[in-house]
Amino acid sequence: MKKILTLILFSINIFLYAQTGTLNGVVKDNLGNPLIGANIIIEGTLLGTATNSDGKFKVVKIKNGKYTIKASMIGYKNYLSDFIEINNDEKELTIELTPTSYQYDQLVISANKFDQDLREISTSSYVIDSKIFSDKNYQKIDDAFRYVPGITMTQDQISIRGSSGYSRGAGTRF
């Protein structure tokens, strides 16, 4: 009896495993360049992945059905596909993301626990003009911090005004 029950459970697992498909694809920008680190999400599931250095992605073990695929990346408009049917097979998908820009007002980074306008700050401050960001083409805010007076960058850790107590991973103490 145990052998029959084990055989039945094993057969059910094989049947359920066989009822899945795979989604392969590539994400590119509007010039055809691969996008590294774009997020791919199968809507309505917990499945998703990110693109590799070639802009390629692969999502496996997707249950059979119709799904909407969402692709997103900072600096690009989100992509939402029409329904794609997965039926025990591999689907190929090429996604093109269109660049977009975001316009923000002033960005103030401070140690306060509340919003504060730059004119209300009583301590020393430094303004990084938007023209500097455009001219130098910073990819991360860390890159801009390297050129702010009073800030020292050691690898990826920030030290403000020579503060003591630097400890890798723990930040700095004031």
N, C-alpha and C. Protein backbone atom coordinates (compact mmCIF):
# COMPACT_ATOMS: atom_id res chain seq x y z
N MET A 1 0.83 -1.20 0.00
CA MET A 1 0.00 0.00 0.00
C MET A 1 0.87 1.26 0.00
N LYS A 2 1.98 1.23 0.79
CA LYS A 2 2.87 2.39 0.84
C LYS A 2 3.53 2.63 -0.52
N LYS A 3 3.85 1.54 -1.21
CA LYS A 3 4.48 1.68 -2.52
C LYS A 3 3.53 2.33 -3.52
N ILE A 4 2.26 1.94 -3.46
CA ILE A 4 1.26 2.50 -4.37
C ILE A 4 1.06 3.98 -4.06
N LEU A 5 0.97 4.34 -2.78
CA LEU A 5 0.80 5.74 -2.38
C LEU A 5 2.00 6.58 -2.80
N THR A 6 3.20 6.06 -2.62
CA THR A 6 4.41 6.75 -3.03
C THR A 6 4.43 6.94 -4.55
N LEU A 7 4.04 5.92 -5.28
CA LEU A 7 4.00 5.99 -6.73
C LEU A 7 2.99 7.04 -7.20
N ILE A 8 1.84 7.11 -6.54
CA ILE A 8 0.82 8.10 -6.89
C ILE A 8 1.33 9.51 -6.63
N LEU A 9 1.93 9.74 -5.46
CA LEU A 9 2.46 11.08 -5.13
C LEU A 9 3.58 11.47 -6.09
N PHE A 10 4.43 10.53 -6.43
CA PHE A 10 5.50 10.79 -7.37
C PHE A 10 4.94 11.15 -8.74
N SER A 11 3.91 10.46 -9.17
CA SER A 11 3.28 10.73 -10.47
C SER A 11 2.63 12.10 -10.48
N ILE A 12 1.99 12.47 -9.37
CA ILE A 12 1.36 13.80 -9.29
C ILE A 12 2.43 14.88 -9.38
N ASN A 13 3.57 14.72 -8.69
CA ASN A 13 4.64 15.71 -8.74
C ASN A 13 5.19 15.86 -10.16
N ILE A 14 5.36 14.74 -10.86
CA ILE A 14 5.85 14.80 -12.24
C ILE A 14 4.83 15.51 -13.12
N PHE A 15 3.56 15.22 -12.92
CA PHE A 15 2.51 15.86 -13.71
C PHE A 15 2.48 17.37 -13.46
N LEU A 16 2.57 17.77 -12.18
CA LEU A 16 2.54 19.20 -11.86
C LEU A 16 3.78 19.91 -12.39
N TYR A 17 4.94 19.26 -12.29
CA TYR A 17 6.17 19.86 -12.79
C TYR A 17 6.11 20.04 -14.31
N ALA A 18 5.49 19.10 -14.97
CA ALA A 18 5.39 19.15 -16.43
C ALA A 18 4.44 20.24 -16.90
N GLN A 19 3.63 20.79 -16.03
CA GLN A 19 2.64 21.81 -16.39
C GLN A 19 3.21 23.22 -16.24
N THR A 20 4.49 23.38 -16.55
CA THR A 20 5.11 24.69 -16.44
C THR A 20 5.84 25.03 -17.73
N GLY A 21 6.11 26.31 -17.89
CA GLY A 21 6.84 26.77 -19.07
C GLY A 21 7.95 27.72 -18.66
N THR A 22 8.65 28.22 -19.66
CA THR A 22 9.79 29.12 -19.45
C THR A 22 9.63 30.34 -20.33
N LEU A 23 10.05 31.49 -19.79
CA LEU A 23 10.04 32.73 -20.55
C LEU A 23 11.47 33.22 -20.68
N ASN A 24 11.96 33.31 -21.90
CA ASN A 24 13.29 33.83 -22.20
C ASN A 24 13.12 35.15 -22.93
N GLY A 25 14.13 36.00 -22.82
CA GLY A 25 14.05 37.23 -23.58
C GLY A 25 15.23 38.13 -23.38
N VAL A 26 15.12 39.30 -23.99
CA VAL A 26 16.15 40.32 -23.90
C VAL A 26 15.46 41.67 -23.76
N VAL A 27 16.09 42.57 -23.00
CA VAL A 27 15.59 43.92 -22.82
C VAL A 27 16.61 44.88 -23.41
N LYS A 28 16.14 45.76 -24.30
CA LYS A 28 17.02 46.72 -24.98
C LYS A 28 16.43 48.12 -24.86
N ASP A 29 17.30 49.11 -25.08
CA ASP A 29 16.79 50.48 -25.14
C ASP A 29 16.36 50.78 -26.56
N ASN A 30 15.94 52.01 -26.80
CA ASN A 30 15.42 52.35 -28.13
C ASN A 30 16.50 52.39 -29.21
N LEU A 31 17.78 52.33 -28.81
CA LEU A 31 18.89 52.28 -29.78
C LEU A 31 19.37 50.85 -30.02
N GLY A 32 18.76 49.88 -29.33
CA GLY A 32 19.14 48.49 -29.51
C GLY A 32 20.22 48.01 -28.56
N ASN A 33 20.63 48.85 -27.61
CA ASN A 33 21.64 48.46 -26.63
C ASN A 33 21.01 47.63 -25.52
N PRO A 34 21.66 46.56 -25.07
CA PRO A 34 21.09 45.76 -23.98
C PRO A 34 21.08 46.54 -22.67
N LEU A 35 20.04 46.35 -21.88
CA LEU A 35 19.92 47.02 -20.58
C LEU A 35 20.25 46.02 -19.47
N ILE A 36 21.24 46.35 -18.68
CA ILE A 36 21.70 45.49 -17.59
C ILE A 36 20.93 45.82 -16.33
N GLY A 37 20.36 44.82 -15.68
CA GLY A 37 19.68 45.02 -14.40
C GLY A 37 18.24 45.47 -14.51
N ALA A 38 17.64 45.35 -15.66
CA ALA A 38 16.21 45.67 -15.79
C ALA A 38 15.40 44.60 -15.06
N ASN A 39 14.31 45.00 -14.42
CA ASN A 39 13.48 44.06 -13.67
C ASN A 39 12.37 43.50 -14.55
N ILE A 40 12.19 42.19 -14.49
CA ILE A 40 11.13 41.50 -15.22
C ILE A 40 10.24 40.83 -14.19
N ILE A 41 8.94 41.12 -14.25
CA ILE A 41 7.99 40.57 -13.29
C ILE A 41 6.84 39.91 -14.04
N ILE A 42 6.46 38.71 -13.62
CA ILE A 42 5.28 38.03 -14.16
C ILE A 42 4.13 38.48 -13.27
N GLU A 43 3.27 39.36 -13.78
CA GLU A 43 2.17 39.92 -12.99
C GLU A 43 1.27 38.82 -12.43
N GLY A 44 0.85 38.98 -11.18
CA GLY A 44 -0.05 38.03 -10.55
C GLY A 44 0.65 36.82 -9.97
N THR A 45 1.99 36.83 -10.00
CA THR A 45 2.77 35.73 -9.42
C THR A 45 3.87 36.33 -8.56
N LEU A 46 4.65 35.48 -7.95
CA LEU A 46 5.83 35.92 -7.21
C LEU A 46 7.10 35.70 -8.04
N LEU A 47 6.93 35.46 -9.33
CA LEU A 47 8.05 35.17 -10.22
C LEU A 47 8.59 36.43 -10.87
N GLY A 48 9.91 36.47 -10.99
CA GLY A 48 10.55 37.60 -11.65
C GLY A 48 12.04 37.40 -11.67
N THR A 49 12.74 38.29 -12.35
CA THR A 49 14.19 38.21 -12.45
C THR A 49 14.72 39.56 -12.90
N ALA A 50 16.03 39.64 -13.07
CA ALA A 50 16.68 40.83 -13.60
C ALA A 50 17.56 40.42 -14.78
N THR A 51 17.77 41.34 -15.69
CA THR A 51 18.57 41.02 -16.87
C THR A 51 20.05 40.94 -16.52
N ASN A 52 20.79 40.13 -17.28
CA ASN A 52 22.22 39.96 -17.05
C ASN A 52 23.01 41.01 -17.84
N SER A 53 24.32 40.81 -17.96
CA SER A 53 25.18 41.80 -18.63
C SER A 53 24.92 41.90 -20.13
N ASP A 54 24.21 40.94 -20.68
CA ASP A 54 23.83 40.98 -22.10
C ASP A 54 22.40 41.46 -22.30
N GLY A 55 21.73 41.84 -21.21
CA GLY A 55 20.34 42.27 -21.29
C GLY A 55 19.36 41.11 -21.38
N LYS A 56 19.84 39.89 -21.17
CA LYS A 56 18.98 38.70 -21.30
C LYS A 56 18.41 38.28 -19.95
N PHE A 57 17.27 37.62 -20.00
CA PHE A 57 16.63 37.11 -18.78
C PHE A 57 15.99 35.76 -19.06
N LYS A 58 15.71 35.03 -17.98
CA LYS A 58 15.05 33.73 -18.09
C LYS A 58 14.26 33.51 -16.81
N VAL A 59 12.96 33.23 -16.97
CA VAL A 59 12.09 32.89 -15.84
C VAL A 59 11.59 31.47 -16.08
N VAL A 60 11.82 30.60 -15.12
CA VAL A 60 11.46 29.18 -15.27
C VAL A 60 10.32 28.81 -14.33
N LYS A 61 9.74 27.66 -14.59
CA LYS A 61 8.67 27.08 -13.78
C LYS A 61 7.46 28.00 -13.65
N ILE A 62 7.04 28.56 -14.77
CA ILE A 62 5.83 29.39 -14.80
C ILE A 62 4.66 28.45 -15.07
N LYS A 63 3.69 28.45 -14.19
CA LYS A 63 2.51 27.59 -14.38
C LYS A 63 1.80 27.99 -15.67
N ASN A 64 1.23 27.01 -16.34
CA ASN A 64 0.50 27.28 -17.57
C ASN A 64 -0.61 28.30 -17.32
N GLY A 65 -0.77 29.20 -18.26
CA GLY A 65 -1.81 30.22 -18.16
C GLY A 65 -1.45 31.44 -18.98
N LYS A 66 -2.28 32.48 -18.86
CA LYS A 66 -2.04 33.73 -19.57
C LYS A 66 -1.54 34.76 -18.55
N TYR A 67 -0.46 35.45 -18.91
CA TYR A 67 0.18 36.39 -17.99
C TYR A 67 0.52 37.70 -18.70
N THR A 68 0.58 38.75 -17.90
CA THR A 68 1.09 40.03 -18.35
C THR A 68 2.51 40.16 -17.81
N ILE A 69 3.42 40.59 -18.65
CA ILE A 69 4.82 40.74 -18.26
C ILE A 69 5.11 42.23 -18.09
N LYS A 70 5.75 42.57 -16.97
CA LYS A 70 6.12 43.95 -16.70
C LYS A 70 7.64 44.05 -16.66
N ALA A 71 8.19 45.04 -17.37
CA ALA A 71 9.62 45.31 -17.34
C ALA A 71 9.82 46.75 -16.89
N SER A 72 10.78 46.95 -16.01
CA SER A 72 11.03 48.31 -15.51
C SER A 72 12.51 48.51 -15.21
N MET A 73 12.92 49.76 -15.32
CA MET A 73 14.29 50.14 -15.00
C MET A 73 14.30 51.65 -14.76
N ILE A 74 15.08 52.08 -13.78
CA ILE A 74 15.16 53.51 -13.48
C ILE A 74 15.69 54.24 -14.71
N GLY A 75 15.02 55.32 -15.06
CA GLY A 75 15.40 56.12 -16.22
C GLY A 75 14.67 55.72 -17.50
N TYR A 76 13.78 54.71 -17.39
CA TYR A 76 13.03 54.24 -18.56
C TYR A 76 11.55 54.10 -18.19
N LYS A 77 10.69 54.27 -19.20
CA LYS A 77 9.27 54.06 -19.00
C LYS A 77 9.01 52.57 -18.79
N ASN A 78 8.06 52.25 -17.91
CA ASN A 78 7.69 50.85 -17.67
C ASN A 78 7.07 50.24 -18.92
N TYR A 79 7.30 48.96 -19.11
CA TYR A 79 6.74 48.21 -20.23
C TYR A 79 5.74 47.21 -19.66
N LEU A 80 4.56 47.12 -20.26
CA LEU A 80 3.54 46.15 -19.85
C LEU A 80 3.07 45.44 -21.11
N SER A 81 3.25 44.12 -21.15
CA SER A 81 2.91 43.35 -22.36
C SER A 81 1.42 43.05 -22.41
N ASP A 82 0.98 42.63 -23.59
CA ASP A 82 -0.35 42.02 -23.71
C ASP A 82 -0.25 40.65 -23.05
N PHE A 83 -1.36 39.94 -22.99
CA PHE A 83 -1.34 38.61 -22.39
C PHE A 83 -0.45 37.68 -23.21
N ILE A 84 0.40 36.97 -22.50
CA ILE A 84 1.27 35.97 -23.11
C ILE A 84 0.87 34.62 -22.53
N GLU A 85 0.62 33.65 -23.41
CA GLU A 85 0.17 32.34 -22.95
C GLU A 85 1.37 31.40 -22.80
N ILE A 86 1.47 30.80 -21.62
CA ILE A 86 2.51 29.83 -21.32
C ILE A 86 1.86 28.44 -21.33
N ASN A 87 2.37 27.55 -22.17
CA ASN A 87 1.82 26.18 -22.31
C ASN A 87 2.95 25.17 -22.44
N ASN A 88 3.53 24.75 -21.34
CA ASN A 88 4.56 23.70 -21.36
C ASN A 88 5.66 23.94 -22.39
N ASP A 89 5.96 25.19 -22.68
CA ASP A 89 6.96 25.46 -23.70
C ASP A 89 7.81 26.66 -23.31
N GLU A 90 8.71 27.04 -24.19
CA GLU A 90 9.54 28.21 -23.99
C GLU A 90 9.04 29.34 -24.88
N LYS A 91 8.81 30.48 -24.28
CA LYS A 91 8.41 31.67 -25.04
C LYS A 91 9.59 32.62 -25.11
N GLU A 92 9.76 33.27 -26.24
CA GLU A 92 10.80 34.28 -26.44
C GLU A 92 10.14 35.65 -26.48
N LEU A 93 10.77 36.62 -25.82
CA LEU A 93 10.21 37.96 -25.76
C LEU A 93 11.33 38.99 -25.88
N THR A 94 11.16 39.95 -26.77
CA THR A 94 12.09 41.07 -26.88
C THR A 94 11.36 42.32 -26.42
N ILE A 95 11.96 43.00 -25.45
CA ILE A 95 11.33 44.17 -24.84
C ILE A 95 12.19 45.39 -25.12
N GLU A 96 11.54 46.46 -25.55
CA GLU A 96 12.25 47.72 -25.78
C GLU A 96 11.73 48.75 -24.78
N LEU A 97 12.64 49.31 -23.99
CA LEU A 97 12.28 50.35 -23.03
C LEU A 97 12.69 51.71 -23.57
N THR A 98 11.82 52.68 -23.38
CA THR A 98 12.05 54.04 -23.86
C THR A 98 12.58 54.91 -22.73
N PRO A 99 13.67 55.62 -22.95
CA PRO A 99 14.21 56.49 -21.89
C PRO A 99 13.21 57.58 -21.50
N THR A 100 13.25 57.95 -20.25
CA THR A 100 12.42 59.04 -19.75
C THR A 100 13.22 59.78 -18.69
N SER A 101 12.83 60.99 -18.41
CA SER A 101 13.51 61.76 -17.37
C SER A 101 12.49 62.22 -16.34
N TYR A 102 12.98 62.47 -15.16
CA TYR A 102 12.14 62.93 -14.07
C TYR A 102 12.63 64.28 -13.61
N GLN A 103 11.71 65.20 -13.44
CA GLN A 103 12.05 66.54 -12.99
C GLN A 103 11.70 66.67 -11.52
N TYR A 104 12.68 66.99 -10.71
CA TYR A 104 12.45 67.16 -9.28
C TYR A 104 12.83 68.55 -8.87
N ASP A 105 12.18 69.00 -7.81
CA ASP A 105 12.61 70.25 -7.21
C ASP A 105 13.87 69.97 -6.41
N GLN A 106 14.16 70.84 -5.53
CA GLN A 106 15.34 70.75 -4.70
C GLN A 106 15.37 69.45 -3.88
N LEU A 107 16.54 68.83 -3.81
CA LEU A 107 16.74 67.63 -3.01
C LEU A 107 17.68 67.98 -1.88
N VAL A 108 17.20 67.84 -0.64
CA VAL A 108 18.01 68.16 0.53
C VAL A 108 18.24 66.86 1.30
N ILE A 109 19.52 66.52 1.49
CA ILE A 109 19.88 65.35 2.27
C ILE A 109 20.46 65.85 3.58
N SER A 110 19.82 65.49 4.68
CA SER A 110 20.28 65.95 5.99
C SER A 110 20.08 64.86 7.02
N ALA A 111 20.59 65.12 8.22
CA ALA A 111 20.46 64.14 9.31
C ALA A 111 19.21 64.40 10.15
N ASN A 112 18.42 65.37 9.77
CA ASN A 112 17.20 65.68 10.53
C ASN A 112 16.13 64.63 10.30
N LYS A 113 15.20 64.55 11.21
CA LYS A 113 14.11 63.58 11.09
C LYS A 113 12.86 64.20 10.48
N PHE A 114 12.99 65.39 9.91
CA PHE A 114 11.84 66.06 9.32
C PHE A 114 12.28 66.82 8.07
N ASP A 115 11.31 67.12 7.20
CA ASP A 115 11.60 67.88 5.99
C ASP A 115 12.06 69.29 6.36
N GLN A 116 13.02 69.77 5.60
CA GLN A 116 13.54 71.10 5.87
C GLN A 116 13.98 71.74 4.56
N ASP A 117 13.59 72.98 4.37
CA ASP A 117 14.00 73.72 3.19
C ASP A 117 15.45 74.15 3.35
N LEU A 118 16.17 74.28 2.25
CA LEU A 118 17.57 74.64 2.30
C LEU A 118 17.79 75.99 2.99
N ARG A 119 16.84 76.91 2.87
CA ARG A 119 16.97 78.23 3.50
C ARG A 119 16.84 78.16 5.02
N GLU A 120 16.26 77.07 5.54
CA GLU A 120 16.04 76.93 6.98
C GLU A 120 17.17 76.19 7.69
N ILE A 121 18.15 75.68 6.96
CA ILE A 121 19.23 74.92 7.58
C ILE A 121 20.20 75.87 8.26
N SER A 122 20.48 75.61 9.54
CA SER A 122 21.36 76.49 10.30
C SER A 122 22.82 76.06 10.24
N THR A 123 23.09 74.85 9.81
CA THR A 123 24.47 74.36 9.71
C THR A 123 25.00 74.60 8.31
N SER A 124 26.28 74.30 8.13
CA SER A 124 26.87 74.50 6.80
C SER A 124 26.21 73.56 5.80
N SER A 125 26.11 74.04 4.58
CA SER A 125 25.47 73.24 3.53
C SER A 125 26.16 73.52 2.21
N TYR A 126 25.94 72.63 1.26
CA TYR A 126 26.52 72.77 -0.06
C TYR A 126 25.47 72.39 -1.09
N VAL A 127 25.34 73.18 -2.13
CA VAL A 127 24.35 72.93 -3.17
C VAL A 127 25.07 72.41 -4.41
N ILE A 128 24.63 71.25 -4.89
CA ILE A 128 25.13 70.73 -6.15
C ILE A 128 24.13 71.13 -7.21
N ASP A 129 24.55 72.02 -8.09
CA ASP A 129 23.67 72.56 -9.12
C ASP A 129 23.33 71.47 -10.14
N SER A 130 22.14 71.55 -10.70
CA SER A 130 21.72 70.55 -11.68
C SER A 130 22.60 70.57 -12.93
N LYS A 131 23.18 71.72 -13.26
CA LYS A 131 24.07 71.81 -14.42
C LYS A 131 25.31 70.94 -14.19
N ILE A 132 25.79 70.89 -12.95
CA ILE A 132 26.95 70.05 -12.64
C ILE A 132 26.60 68.59 -12.86
N PHE A 133 25.40 68.18 -12.43
CA PHE A 133 24.96 66.81 -12.64
C PHE A 133 24.92 66.48 -14.13
N SER A 134 24.41 67.40 -14.93
CA SER A 134 24.31 67.17 -16.37
C SER A 134 25.68 67.11 -17.03
N ASP A 135 26.54 68.06 -16.66
CA ASP A 135 27.86 68.14 -17.28
C ASP A 135 28.74 66.94 -16.95
N LYS A 136 28.71 66.50 -15.71
CA LYS A 136 29.59 65.40 -15.27
C LYS A 136 28.95 64.04 -15.46
N ASN A 137 27.65 63.99 -15.73
CA ASN A 137 26.94 62.74 -16.00
C ASN A 137 27.13 61.71 -14.89
N TYR A 138 26.82 62.13 -13.65
CA TYR A 138 26.92 61.22 -12.52
C TYR A 138 25.92 60.08 -12.67
N GLN A 139 26.35 58.86 -12.38
CA GLN A 139 25.47 57.69 -12.44
C GLN A 139 24.84 57.40 -11.08
N LYS A 140 25.55 57.74 -10.00
CA LYS A 140 25.06 57.49 -8.64
C LYS A 140 25.32 58.74 -7.81
N ILE A 141 24.55 58.91 -6.77
CA ILE A 141 24.71 60.08 -5.89
C ILE A 141 26.07 60.04 -5.21
N ASP A 142 26.61 58.83 -4.99
CA ASP A 142 27.95 58.70 -4.40
C ASP A 142 28.99 59.42 -5.23
N ASP A 143 28.86 59.35 -6.56
CA ASP A 143 29.81 60.01 -7.45
C ASP A 143 29.81 61.52 -7.23
N ALA A 144 28.65 62.09 -7.01
CA ALA A 144 28.56 63.54 -6.78
C ALA A 144 29.14 63.91 -5.43
N PHE A 145 28.96 63.05 -4.42
CA PHE A 145 29.48 63.33 -3.08
C PHE A 145 31.00 63.44 -3.07
N ARG A 146 31.66 62.78 -3.98
CA ARG A 146 33.13 62.80 -4.00
C ARG A 146 33.69 64.21 -4.22
N TYR A 147 32.90 65.11 -4.77
CA TYR A 147 33.36 66.45 -5.09
C TYR A 147 32.77 67.53 -4.19
N VAL A 148 32.11 67.13 -3.10
CA VAL A 148 31.53 68.09 -2.17
C VAL A 148 32.56 68.39 -1.08
N PRO A 149 32.84 69.68 -0.82
CA PRO A 149 33.79 70.02 0.23
C PRO A 149 33.32 69.48 1.59
N GLY A 150 34.26 68.91 2.36
CA GLY A 150 33.94 68.41 3.69
C GLY A 150 33.51 66.95 3.71
N ILE A 151 33.36 66.34 2.54
CA ILE A 151 32.98 64.93 2.48
C ILE A 151 34.14 64.14 1.90
N THR A 152 34.49 63.07 2.59
CA THR A 152 35.54 62.18 2.12
C THR A 152 34.91 60.82 1.85
N MET A 153 35.21 60.27 0.69
CA MET A 153 34.70 58.95 0.33
C MET A 153 35.84 57.95 0.42
N THR A 154 35.64 56.88 1.22
CA THR A 154 36.57 55.77 1.29
C THR A 154 35.84 54.56 0.76
N GLN A 155 36.21 54.14 -0.43
CA GLN A 155 35.48 53.12 -1.17
C GLN A 155 34.04 53.58 -1.31
N ASP A 156 33.08 52.92 -0.65
CA ASP A 156 31.68 53.34 -0.77
C ASP A 156 31.13 53.88 0.54
N GLN A 157 32.02 54.26 1.47
CA GLN A 157 31.60 54.80 2.76
C GLN A 157 31.85 56.30 2.80
N ILE A 158 30.93 57.04 3.42
CA ILE A 158 31.01 58.49 3.48
C ILE A 158 31.49 58.93 4.85
N SER A 159 32.45 59.85 4.87
CA SER A 159 32.91 60.47 6.11
C SER A 159 32.70 61.97 5.96
N ILE A 160 31.92 62.56 6.86
CA ILE A 160 31.59 63.98 6.75
C ILE A 160 32.44 64.78 7.73
N ARG A 161 33.14 65.80 7.18
CA ARG A 161 33.99 66.70 7.95
C ARG A 161 34.96 65.98 8.87
N GLY A 162 35.61 64.93 8.39
CA GLY A 162 36.65 64.24 9.15
C GLY A 162 36.15 63.58 10.41
N SER A 163 34.90 63.15 10.42
CA SER A 163 34.35 62.53 11.62
C SER A 163 35.15 61.29 11.98
N SER A 164 35.18 60.97 13.26
CA SER A 164 35.95 59.82 13.72
C SER A 164 35.05 58.61 13.86
N GLY A 165 35.66 57.47 14.03
CA GLY A 165 34.88 56.26 14.27
C GLY A 165 34.49 55.55 13.00
N TYR A 166 35.26 55.75 11.94
CA TYR A 166 34.94 55.08 10.68
C TYR A 166 35.07 53.58 10.85
N SER A 167 34.04 52.87 10.43
CA SER A 167 34.05 51.41 10.50
C SER A 167 33.34 50.89 9.27
N ARG A 168 34.03 50.12 8.46
CA ARG A 168 33.45 49.62 7.20
C ARG A 168 32.12 48.92 7.46
N GLY A 169 31.09 49.36 6.75
CA GLY A 169 29.77 48.75 6.88
C GLY A 169 28.92 49.40 7.94
N ALA A 170 29.52 50.12 8.87
CA ALA A 170 28.76 50.76 9.95
C ALA A 170 28.60 52.24 9.71
N GLY A 171 29.27 52.79 8.70
CA GLY A 171 29.16 54.21 8.43
C GLY A 171 30.07 55.01 9.33
N THR A 172 29.71 56.26 9.60
CA THR A 172 30.52 57.12 10.44
C THR A 172 29.71 57.62 11.62
N ARG A 173 30.43 58.06 12.63
CA ARG A 173 29.78 58.67 13.80
C ARG A 173 30.11 60.14 13.81
N PHE A 174 29.19 60.95 14.28
CA PHE A 174 29.40 62.39 14.32
C PHE A 174 29.68 62.82 15.74
